[in-house]
N, C-alpha and C. Protein backbone atom coordinates (compact mmCIF):
# COMPACT_ATOMS: atom_id res chain seq x y z
N MET A 1 114.11 86.45 91.56
CA MET A 1 113.62 86.20 90.19
C MET A 1 112.17 86.63 90.07
N THR A 2 111.36 86.27 91.06
CA THR A 2 109.92 86.62 90.97
C THR A 2 109.76 88.15 91.00
N SER A 3 110.61 88.78 91.78
CA SER A 3 110.52 90.32 91.92
C SER A 3 110.74 90.90 90.50
N ILE A 4 111.73 90.41 89.81
CA ILE A 4 112.01 91.00 88.46
C ILE A 4 110.84 90.75 87.54
N MET A 5 110.27 89.58 87.59
CA MET A 5 109.15 89.26 86.74
C MET A 5 107.92 90.20 87.00
N PHE A 6 107.67 90.34 88.35
CA PHE A 6 106.59 91.14 88.77
C PHE A 6 106.79 92.60 88.31
N SER A 7 108.01 93.06 88.48
CA SER A 7 108.34 94.44 88.07
C SER A 7 108.15 94.62 86.57
N ASN A 8 108.58 93.64 85.84
CA ASN A 8 108.44 93.76 84.36
C ASN A 8 106.97 93.75 83.96
N ILE A 9 106.16 92.98 84.62
CA ILE A 9 104.70 92.92 84.24
C ILE A 9 104.12 94.29 84.64
N ARG A 10 104.52 94.79 85.76
CA ARG A 10 103.97 96.09 86.16
C ARG A 10 104.33 97.20 85.21
N CYS A 11 105.56 97.19 84.71
CA CYS A 11 106.02 98.17 83.74
C CYS A 11 105.23 98.07 82.44
N SER A 12 105.05 96.84 82.01
CA SER A 12 104.32 96.56 80.72
C SER A 12 102.86 97.02 80.93
N ASN A 13 102.31 96.76 82.05
CA ASN A 13 100.94 97.17 82.27
C ASN A 13 100.83 98.71 82.25
N ARG A 14 101.78 99.37 82.86
CA ARG A 14 101.75 100.84 82.87
C ARG A 14 101.82 101.33 81.43
N ILE A 15 102.65 100.81 80.62
CA ILE A 15 102.85 101.26 79.22
C ILE A 15 101.60 101.01 78.43
N GLN A 16 100.95 99.84 78.63
CA GLN A 16 99.74 99.45 77.93
C GLN A 16 98.62 100.43 78.36
N ASN A 17 98.57 100.70 79.65
CA ASN A 17 97.54 101.62 80.14
C ASN A 17 97.88 102.98 79.65
């Protein structure tokens, strides 16, 4: 579960950047 959350945050961060 933590892995999915971390992955989601990383994806969001990449889109924002």
